[in-house]
């Protein structure tokens, strides 16, 4: 553990240790070893990573900088909070523009050799139907119309690579995402930051935690709060004023 601390970041140490512990526990269960040495291990403290919350203006600039055939992906990531793989897995049949719904039933992940693989969401909670605002429904309607996609193309993917096949993340990140970030002046922003912005905005809008959990596809509501719900300066200022009014009242403002 000491050598890991010297060459790895605390978060990486935790991941490596978790893998080693799982292997050793399996060895114990199969009676390969008598007991695991993973006892009394103190992992290094992990400092919370600073999260970037993308603003509406930054989102617009990012979408504008992306190729037209992929620009809607940024809006879906922020407005619906979908993971990259869930966005890449959307088919024409997954989107109902008239009902303004998007069904998340598939995702694109990296399989053997790094090749894209289409599969079902990892959990039952990940399979969900989301309502979308009129503006996003109109945007997706235009996106499909511009690409000649109709209801008859229900199995066609909304977003594809150069070959027309499911998106490859490595290719997409290098050819689409990173150039767009540079053009929009948003270096360091990840697609997952759009999902975090979505969750944070739901908190600011006072969306109840159960609804937020369902929309984000989380099995555990604690994950919704602990990982994605980030406080904002605006929210902090509002909280300060409300607490001041509650405990100090108007008289304290005029005293002294």
C-alpha atoms as a PDB file:
ATOM      1  CA  UNK A   1       0.000   0.000   0.000  1.00  0.00           C
ATOM      2  CA  UNK A   2       2.892   2.328   0.783  1.00  0.00           C
ATOM      3  CA  UNK A   3       4.330   2.003  -2.714  1.00  0.00           C
ATOM      4  CA  UNK A   4       0.889   2.591  -4.254  1.00  0.00           C
ATOM      5  CA  UNK A   5       0.590   5.843  -2.305  1.00  0.00           C
ATOM      6  CA  UNK A   6       3.915   6.978  -3.776  1.00  0.00           C
ATOM      7  CA  UNK A   7       3.011   6.465  -7.431  1.00  0.00           C
ATOM      8  CA  UNK A   8      -0.800   6.647  -7.586  1.00  0.00           C
ATOM      9  CA  UNK A   9      -3.403   9.251  -6.713  1.00  0.00           C
ATOM     10  CA  UNK A  10      -5.664   8.414  -3.719  1.00  0.00           C
ATOM     11  CA  UNK A  11      -8.646   7.698  -5.967  1.00  0.00           C
ATOM     12  CA  UNK A  12      -6.549   5.325  -8.109  1.00  0.00           C
ATOM     13  CA  UNK A  13      -5.257   3.574  -4.994  1.00  0.00           C
ATOM     14  CA  UNK A  14      -8.851   2.938  -3.967  1.00  0.00           C
ATOM     15  CA  UNK A  15      -9.720   1.410  -7.327  1.00  0.00           C
ATOM     16  CA  UNK A  16      -6.635  -0.822  -7.404  1.00  0.00           C
ATOM     17  CA  UNK A  17      -7.199  -1.914  -3.816  1.00  0.00           C
ATOM     18  CA  UNK A  18     -10.845  -2.710  -4.565  1.00  0.00           C
ATOM     19  CA  UNK A  19      -9.817  -5.009  -7.412  1.00  0.00           C
ATOM     20  CA  UNK A  20      -7.136  -6.734  -5.315  1.00  0.00           C
ATOM     21  CA  UNK A  21      -9.572  -7.224  -2.438  1.00  0.00           C
ATOM     22  CA  UNK A  22     -12.168  -8.794  -4.743  1.00  0.00           C
ATOM     23  CA  UNK A  23      -9.601 -11.241  -6.147  1.00  0.00           C
ATOM     24  CA  UNK A  24      -8.392 -12.234  -2.686  1.00  0.00           C
ATOM     25  CA  UNK A  25     -11.937 -12.653  -1.372  1.00  0.00           C
ATOM     26  CA  UNK A  26     -12.649 -14.951  -4.320  1.00  0.00           C
ATOM     27  CA  UNK A  27      -9.518 -16.947  -3.442  1.00  0.00           C
ATOM     28  CA  UNK A  28     -10.787 -17.361   0.133  1.00  0.00           C
ATOM     29  CA  UNK A  29     -14.193 -18.549  -1.075  1.00  0.00           C
ATOM     30  CA  UNK A  30     -12.503 -21.151  -3.268  1.00  0.00           C
ATOM     31  CA  UNK A  31     -10.202 -22.196  -0.401  1.00  0.00           C
ATOM     32  CA  UNK A  32      -7.089 -21.245  -2.363  1.00  0.00           C
ATOM     33  CA  UNK A  33      -5.932 -19.220   0.624  1.00  0.00           C
ATOM     34  CA  UNK A  34      -7.024 -19.433   4.245  1.00  0.00           C
ATOM     35  CA  UNK A  35      -7.866 -15.780   4.695  1.00  0.00           C
ATOM     36  CA  UNK A  36      -7.393 -12.490   2.901  1.00  0.00           C
ATOM     37  CA  UNK A  37      -4.564 -10.146   3.862  1.00  0.00           C
ATOM     38  CA  UNK A  38      -6.885  -7.209   3.180  1.00  0.00           C
ATOM     39  CA  UNK A  39      -7.560  -6.510   6.844  1.00  0.00           C
ATOM     40  CA  UNK A  40      -7.046  -3.282   8.711  1.00  0.00           C
ATOM     41  CA  UNK A  41      -6.055  -1.419   5.557  1.00  0.00           C
ATOM     42  CA  UNK A  42      -6.279   2.353   5.769  1.00  0.00           C
ATOM     43  CA  UNK A  43      -6.787   3.913   2.376  1.00  0.00           C
ATOM     44  CA  UNK A  44      -5.606   7.469   1.665  1.00  0.00           C
ATOM     45  CA  UNK A  45      -8.286  10.125   1.928  1.00  0.00           C
ATOM     46  CA  UNK A  46      -9.835  11.132  -1.377  1.00  0.00           C
ATOM     47  CA  UNK A  47     -10.422  14.846  -1.785  1.00  0.00           C
ATOM     48  CA  UNK A  48     -13.665  15.707  -3.597  1.00  0.00           C
ATOM     49  CA  UNK A  49     -12.955  16.676  -7.190  1.00  0.00           C
ATOM     50  CA  UNK A  50     -13.822  20.212  -8.214  1.00  0.00           C
ATOM     51  CA  UNK A  51     -16.864  19.979 -10.439  1.00  0.00           C
ATOM     52  CA  UNK A  52     -17.459  22.242 -13.409  1.00  0.00           C
ATOM     53  CA  UNK A  53     -21.106  23.236 -13.848  1.00  0.00           C
ATOM     54  CA  UNK A  54     -21.722  24.169 -17.472  1.00  0.00           C
ATOM     55  CA  UNK A  55     -23.875  27.277 -17.979  1.00  0.00           C
ATOM     56  CA  UNK A  56     -26.573  27.716 -20.609  1.00  0.00           C
ATOM     57  CA  UNK A  57     -24.361  30.081 -22.616  1.00  0.00           C
ATOM     58  CA  UNK A  58     -21.464  27.621 -22.517  1.00  0.00           C
ATOM     59  CA  UNK A  59     -23.783  24.818 -23.597  1.00  0.00           C
ATOM     60  CA  UNK A  60     -24.995  26.849 -26.566  1.00  0.00           C
ATOM     61  CA  UNK A  61     -21.423  27.666 -27.586  1.00  0.00           C
ATOM     62  CA  UNK A  62     -20.420  24.015 -27.272  1.00  0.00           C
ATOM     63  CA  UNK A  63     -23.331  22.786 -29.384  1.00  0.00           C
ATOM     64  CA  UNK A  64     -22.600  25.442 -32.016  1.00  0.00           C
ATOM     65  CA  UNK A  65     -18.985  24.284 -32.224  1.00  0.00           C
ATOM     66  CA  UNK A  66     -19.919  20.632 -32.741  1.00  0.00           C
ATOM     67  CA  UNK A  67     -20.640  19.146 -36.194  1.00  0.00           C
ATOM     68  CA  UNK A  68     -24.339  19.533 -37.016  1.00  0.00           C
ATOM     69  CA  UNK A  69     -24.913  15.777 -37.001  1.00  0.00           C
ATOM     70  CA  UNK A  70     -23.747  15.560 -33.386  1.00  0.00           C
ATOM     71  CA  UNK A  71     -24.726  18.966 -31.966  1.00  0.00           C
ATOM     72  CA  UNK A  72     -27.957  17.677 -30.389  1.00  0.00           C
ATOM     73  CA  UNK A  73     -25.946  15.295 -28.191  1.00  0.00           C
ATOM     74  CA  UNK A  74     -24.811  18.166 -25.986  1.00  0.00           C
ATOM     75  CA  UNK A  75     -28.386  19.348 -25.454  1.00  0.00           C
ATOM     76  CA  UNK A  76     -29.576  15.817 -24.609  1.00  0.00           C
ATOM     77  CA  UNK A  77     -26.741  15.390 -22.118  1.00  0.00           C
ATOM     78  CA  UNK A  78     -27.634  18.599 -20.284  1.00  0.00           C
ATOM     79  CA  UNK A  79     -31.417  18.755 -20.617  1.00  0.00           C
ATOM     80  CA  UNK A  80     -32.114  15.058 -20.007  1.00  0.00           C
ATOM     81  CA  UNK A  81     -29.005  14.150 -18.021  1.00  0.00           C
ATOM     82  CA  UNK A  82     -28.248  11.068 -20.096  1.00  0.00           C
ATOM     83  CA  UNK A  83     -24.859   9.388 -19.969  1.00  0.00           C
ATOM     84  CA  UNK A  84     -22.785   9.434 -23.160  1.00  0.00           C
ATOM     85  CA  UNK A  85     -23.452   5.757 -23.809  1.00  0.00           C
ATOM     86  CA  UNK A  86     -27.198   6.287 -23.382  1.00  0.00           C
ATOM     87  CA  UNK A  87     -27.192   9.167 -25.863  1.00  0.00           C
ATOM     88  CA  UNK A  88     -25.160   7.124 -28.355  1.00  0.00           C
ATOM     89  CA  UNK A  89     -27.622   4.247 -27.938  1.00  0.00           C
ATOM     90  CA  UNK A  90     -30.725   6.257 -28.883  1.00  0.00           C
ATOM     91  CA  UNK A  91     -32.566   5.063 -31.978  1.00  0.00           C
ATOM     92  CA  UNK A  92     -35.307   6.787 -33.960  1.00  0.00           C
ATOM     93  CA  UNK A  93     -37.845   4.510 -32.285  1.00  0.00           C
ATOM     94  CA  UNK A  94     -36.650   5.710 -28.878  1.00  0.00           C
ATOM     95  CA  UNK A  95     -37.846   9.254 -29.540  1.00  0.00           C
ATOM     96  CA  UNK A  96     -41.514  10.271 -29.696  1.00  0.00           C
ATOM     97  CA  UNK A  97     -41.547  13.909 -30.754  1.00  0.00           C
ATOM     98  CA  UNK A  98     -45.341  14.243 -30.491  1.00  0.00           C
ATOM     99  CA  UNK A  99     -45.543  12.811 -26.973  1.00  0.00           C
ATOM    100  CA  UNK A 100     -42.240  14.510 -26.118  1.00  0.00           C
ATOM    101  CA  UNK A 101     -40.710  11.361 -24.627  1.00  0.00           C
ATOM    102  CA  UNK A 102     -37.333   9.669 -24.896  1.00  0.00           C
ATOM    103  CA  UNK A 103     -36.997   5.997 -23.945  1.00  0.00           C
ATOM    104  CA  UNK A 104     -33.639   4.833 -22.628  1.00  0.00           C
ATOM    105  CA  UNK A 105     -33.502   1.117 -23.426  1.00  0.00           C
ATOM    106  CA  UNK A 106     -29.998   0.696 -24.863  1.00  0.00           C
ATOM    107  CA  UNK A 107     -26.519   2.066 -24.412  1.00  0.00           C
ATOM    108  CA  UNK A 108     -23.238   1.935 -26.296  1.00  0.00           C
ATOM    109  CA  UNK A 109     -20.233   0.672 -24.353  1.00  0.00           C
ATOM    110  CA  UNK A 110     -16.727  -0.416 -25.247  1.00  0.00           C
ATOM    111  CA  UNK A 111     -16.345  -4.143 -25.770  1.00  0.00           C
ATOM    112  CA  UNK A 112     -13.477  -6.437 -26.663  1.00  0.00           C
ATOM    113  CA  UNK A 113     -10.705  -4.597 -28.449  1.00  0.00           C
ATOM    114  CA  UNK A 114     -12.365  -1.267 -27.649  1.00  0.00           C
ATOM    115  CA  UNK A 115     -15.070  -1.811 -30.261  1.00  0.00           C
ATOM    116  CA  UNK A 116     -18.519  -0.314 -29.565  1.00  0.00           C
ATOM    117  CA  UNK A 117     -21.110  -2.738 -28.204  1.00  0.00           C
ATOM    118  CA  UNK A 118     -24.848  -2.055 -27.892  1.00  0.00           C
ATOM    119  CA  UNK A 119     -26.422  -3.475 -24.740  1.00  0.00           C
ATOM    120  CA  UNK A 120     -29.251  -2.923 -22.273  1.00  0.00           C
ATOM    121  CA  UNK A 121     -28.727  -0.537 -19.315  1.00  0.00           C
ATOM    122  CA  UNK A 122     -26.840  -2.068 -16.406  1.00  0.00           C
ATOM    123  CA  UNK A 123     -29.733  -1.737 -13.958  1.00  0.00           C
ATOM    124  CA  UNK A 124     -33.525  -1.735 -14.001  1.00  0.00           C
ATOM    125  CA  UNK A 125     -33.454   1.920 -12.968  1.00  0.00           C
ATOM    126  CA  UNK A 126     -31.344   2.733 -16.037  1.00  0.00           C
ATOM    127  CA  UNK A 127     -34.189   1.636 -18.314  1.00  0.00           C
ATOM    128  CA  UNK A 128     -36.540   4.610 -18.231  1.00  0.00           C
ATOM    129  CA  UNK A 129     -38.795   6.966 -20.191  1.00  0.00           C
ATOM    130  CA  UNK A 130     -38.256  10.701 -19.831  1.00  0.00           C
ATOM    131  CA  UNK A 131     -40.409  13.643 -20.736  1.00  0.00           C
ATOM    132  CA  UNK A 132     -38.564  16.360 -22.634  1.00  0.00           C
ATOM    133  CA  UNK A 133     -39.334  20.067 -23.074  1.00  0.00           C
ATOM    134  CA  UNK A 134     -40.882  21.358 -26.280  1.00  0.00           C
ATOM    135  CA  UNK A 135     -37.625  23.008 -27.362  1.00  0.00           C
ATOM    136  CA  UNK A 136     -35.693  19.728 -27.200  1.00  0.00           C
ATOM    137  CA  UNK A 137     -38.477  17.802 -28.942  1.00  0.00           C
ATOM    138  CA  UNK A 138     -38.423  20.352 -31.771  1.00  0.00           C
ATOM    139  CA  UNK A 139     -34.624  20.136 -31.961  1.00  0.00           C
ATOM    140  CA  UNK A 140     -34.663  16.338 -32.252  1.00  0.00           C
ATOM    141  CA  UNK A 141     -37.455  16.544 -34.812  1.00  0.00           C
ATOM    142  CA  UNK A 142     -35.288  18.826 -36.961  1.00  0.00           C
ATOM    143  CA  UNK A 143     -32.258  16.603 -36.394  1.00  0.00           C
ATOM    144  CA  UNK A 144     -34.108  13.567 -37.777  1.00  0.00           C
ATOM    145  CA  UNK A 145     -35.690  15.498 -40.646  1.00  0.00           C
ATOM    146  CA  UNK A 146     -32.322  16.866 -41.784  1.00  0.00           C
ATOM    147  CA  UNK A 147     -30.973  13.321 -41.915  1.00  0.00           C
ATOM    148  CA  UNK A 148     -33.980  11.899 -43.734  1.00  0.00           C
ATOM    149  CA  UNK A 149     -34.983   9.734 -40.780  1.00  0.00           C
ATOM    150  CA  UNK A 150     -38.662   8.841 -40.376  1.00  0.00           C
ATOM    151  CA  UNK A 151     -40.752   6.471 -38.300  1.00  0.00           C
ATOM    152  CA  UNK A 152     -39.923   3.752 -40.799  1.00  0.00           C
ATOM    153  CA  UNK A 153     -36.305   3.962 -39.648  1.00  0.00           C
ATOM    154  CA  UNK A 154     -37.114   3.008 -36.059  1.00  0.00           C
ATOM    155  CA  UNK A 155     -33.938   0.912 -35.686  1.00  0.00           C
ATOM    156  CA  UNK A 156     -31.612   3.596 -37.043  1.00  0.00           C
ATOM    157  CA  UNK A 157     -29.352   5.315 -34.510  1.00  0.00           C
ATOM    158  CA  UNK A 158     -29.847   9.057 -34.038  1.00  0.00           C
ATOM    159  CA  UNK A 159     -26.087   9.594 -33.957  1.00  0.00           C
ATOM    160  CA  UNK A 160     -23.539   7.546 -35.870  1.00  0.00           C
ATOM    161  CA  UNK A 161     -19.890   7.587 -36.830  1.00  0.00           C
ATOM    162  CA  UNK A 162     -18.430   8.058 -40.284  1.00  0.00           C
ATOM    163  CA  UNK A 163     -19.375   4.507 -41.262  1.00  0.00           C
ATOM    164  CA  UNK A 164     -22.993   4.827 -40.148  1.00  0.00           C
ATOM    165  CA  UNK A 165     -22.417   2.349 -37.318  1.00  0.00           C
ATOM    166  CA  UNK A 166     -22.824   2.985 -33.563  1.00  0.00           C
ATOM    167  CA  UNK A 167     -20.524   5.694 -32.262  1.00  0.00           C
ATOM    168  CA  UNK A 168     -17.079   4.727 -31.050  1.00  0.00           C
ATOM    169  CA  UNK A 169     -16.315   6.819 -27.963  1.00  0.00           C
ATOM    170  CA  UNK A 170     -12.594   7.175 -28.613  1.00  0.00           C
ATOM    171  CA  UNK A 171     -13.194   8.340 -32.191  1.00  0.00           C
ATOM    172  CA  UNK A 172     -16.017  10.674 -31.116  1.00  0.00           C
ATOM    173  CA  UNK A 173     -14.007  12.241 -28.332  1.00  0.00           C
ATOM    174  CA  UNK A 174     -11.015  12.888 -30.600  1.00  0.00           C
ATOM    175  CA  UNK A 175     -12.895  14.040 -33.710  1.00  0.00           C
ATOM    176  CA  UNK A 176     -15.986  15.722 -32.243  1.00  0.00           C
ATOM    177  CA  UNK A 177     -15.764  16.555 -28.552  1.00  0.00           C
ATOM    178  CA  UNK A 178     -12.233  17.864 -28.043  1.00  0.00           C
ATOM    179  CA  UNK A 179     -12.227  20.118 -31.137  1.00  0.00           C
ATOM    180  CA  UNK A 180     -15.582  21.563 -30.033  1.00  0.00           C
ATOM    181  CA  UNK A 181     -14.265  22.235 -26.523  1.00  0.00           C
ATOM    182  CA  UNK A 182     -11.271  24.075 -27.953  1.00  0.00           C
ATOM    183  CA  UNK A 183     -13.469  26.150 -30.264  1.00  0.00           C
ATOM    184  CA  UNK A 184     -15.858  27.042 -27.417  1.00  0.00           C
ATOM    185  CA  UNK A 185     -13.064  27.746 -24.924  1.00  0.00           C
ATOM    186  CA  UNK A 186     -14.223  25.008 -22.570  1.00  0.00           C
ATOM    187  CA  UNK A 187     -11.079  22.961 -22.181  1.00  0.00           C
ATOM    188  CA  UNK A 188     -11.278  20.299 -19.483  1.00  0.00           C
ATOM    189  CA  UNK A 189     -15.058  19.830 -19.617  1.00  0.00           C
ATOM    190  CA  UNK A 190     -16.240  16.228 -19.928  1.00  0.00           C
ATOM    191  CA  UNK A 191     -19.529  14.963 -21.333  1.00  0.00           C
ATOM    192  CA  UNK A 192     -20.388  13.766 -17.823  1.00  0.00           C
ATOM    193  CA  UNK A 193     -20.264  17.384 -16.652  1.00  0.00           C
ATOM    194  CA  UNK A 194     -23.457  17.953 -18.653  1.00  0.00           C
ATOM    195  CA  UNK A 195     -25.142  15.266 -16.577  1.00  0.00           C
ATOM    196  CA  UNK A 196     -23.892  16.888 -13.381  1.00  0.00           C
ATOM    197  CA  UNK A 197     -25.244  20.244 -14.570  1.00  0.00           C
ATOM    198  CA  UNK A 198     -28.604  18.569 -15.171  1.00  0.00           C
ATOM    199  CA  UNK A 199     -28.742  17.181 -11.627  1.00  0.00           C
ATOM    200  CA  UNK A 200     -27.618  20.463 -10.101  1.00  0.00           C
ATOM    201  CA  UNK A 201     -30.294  22.381 -11.995  1.00  0.00           C
ATOM    202  CA  UNK A 202     -32.957  19.955 -10.740  1.00  0.00           C
ATOM    203  CA  UNK A 203     -31.806  20.656  -7.191  1.00  0.00           C
ATOM    204  CA  UNK A 204     -31.927  24.411  -7.813  1.00  0.00           C
ATOM    205  CA  UNK A 205     -35.404  24.041  -9.343  1.00  0.00           C
ATOM    206  CA  UNK A 206     -36.499  22.116  -6.217  1.00  0.00           C
ATOM    207  CA  UNK A 207     -37.347  18.959  -8.142  1.00  0.00           C
ATOM    208  CA  UNK A 208     -38.045  16.256  -5.555  1.00  0.00           C
ATOM    209  CA  UNK A 209     -35.285  13.699  -5.053  1.00  0.00           C
ATOM    210  CA  UNK A 210     -37.424  10.752  -6.191  1.00  0.00           C
ATOM    211  CA  UNK A 211     -38.121  12.388  -9.545  1.00  0.00           C
ATOM    212  CA  UNK A 212     -34.467  13.370  -9.933  1.00  0.00           C
ATOM    213  CA  UNK A 213     -33.393   9.816  -9.120  1.00  0.00           C
ATOM    214  CA  UNK A 214     -35.767   8.368 -11.717  1.00  0.00           C
ATOM    215  CA  UNK A 215     -34.703  10.789 -14.438  1.00  0.00           C
ATOM    216  CA  UNK A 216     -31.011  10.142 -13.810  1.00  0.00           C
ATOM    217  CA  UNK A 217     -31.528   6.375 -13.711  1.00  0.00           C
ATOM    218  CA  UNK A 218     -30.017   5.881 -10.253  1.00  0.00           C
ATOM    219  CA  UNK A 219     -30.880   2.773  -8.228  1.00  0.00           C
ATOM    220  CA  UNK A 220     -30.026   4.563  -4.968  1.00  0.00           C
ATOM    221  CA  UNK A 221     -31.179   8.141  -4.229  1.00  0.00           C
ATOM    222  CA  UNK A 222     -28.048   8.693  -2.143  1.00  0.00           C
ATOM    223  CA  UNK A 223     -26.025   8.491  -5.339  1.00  0.00           C
ATOM    224  CA  UNK A 224     -28.145  11.279  -6.804  1.00  0.00           C
ATOM    225  CA  UNK A 225     -27.298  13.573  -3.920  1.00  0.00           C
ATOM    226  CA  UNK A 226     -23.730  12.547  -3.113  1.00  0.00           C
ATOM    227  CA  UNK A 227     -22.262  12.523  -6.599  1.00  0.00           C
ATOM    228  CA  UNK A 228     -24.268  14.827  -8.823  1.00  0.00           C
ATOM    229  CA  UNK A 229     -26.099  17.430  -6.772  1.00  0.00           C
ATOM    230  CA  UNK A 230     -23.528  20.229  -6.552  1.00  0.00           C
ATOM    231  CA  UNK A 231     -24.179  23.460  -4.679  1.00  0.00           C
ATOM    232  CA  UNK A 232     -24.008  26.663  -6.710  1.00  0.00           C
ATOM    233  CA  UNK A 233     -22.988  30.171  -5.657  1.00  0.00           C
ATOM    234  CA  UNK A 234     -26.488  31.379  -6.437  1.00  0.00           C
ATOM    235  CA  UNK A 235     -28.036  28.636  -4.327  1.00  0.00           C
ATOM    236  CA  UNK A 236     -25.665  29.362  -1.454  1.00  0.00           C
ATOM    237  CA  UNK A 237     -26.563  33.061  -1.516  1.00  0.00           C
ATOM    238  CA  UNK A 238     -30.270  32.247  -1.535  1.00  0.00           C
ATOM    239  CA  UNK A 239     -29.803  29.882   1.403  1.00  0.00           C
ATOM    240  CA  UNK A 240     -27.931  32.565   3.338  1.00  0.00           C
ATOM    241  CA  UNK A 241     -30.761  35.082   2.887  1.00  0.00           C
ATOM    242  CA  UNK A 242     -33.441  32.579   3.880  1.00  0.00           C
ATOM    243  CA  UNK A 243     -31.531  31.554   7.004  1.00  0.00           C
ATOM    244  CA  UNK A 244     -30.980  35.195   7.890  1.00  0.00           C
ATOM    245  CA  UNK A 245     -34.697  35.951   7.576  1.00  0.00           C
ATOM    246  CA  UNK A 246     -35.607  32.861   9.561  1.00  0.00           C
ATOM    247  CA  UNK A 247     -33.303  33.366  12.524  1.00  0.00           C
ATOM    248  CA  UNK A 248     -32.541  37.071  12.550  1.00  0.00           C
ATOM    249  CA  UNK A 249     -35.569  38.696  10.993  1.00  0.00           C
ATOM    250  CA  UNK A 250     -35.928  42.267   9.790  1.00  0.00           C
ATOM    251  CA  UNK A 251     -35.083  43.790  13.158  1.00  0.00           C
ATOM    252  CA  UNK A 252     -31.505  42.538  12.964  1.00  0.00           C
ATOM    253  CA  UNK A 253     -31.036  44.264   9.600  1.00  0.00           C
ATOM    254  CA  UNK A 254     -31.820  47.682  11.063  1.00  0.00           C
ATOM    255  CA  UNK A 255     -30.123  47.276  14.451  1.00  0.00           C
ATOM    256  CA  UNK A 256     -26.874  49.027  15.247  1.00  0.00           C
END
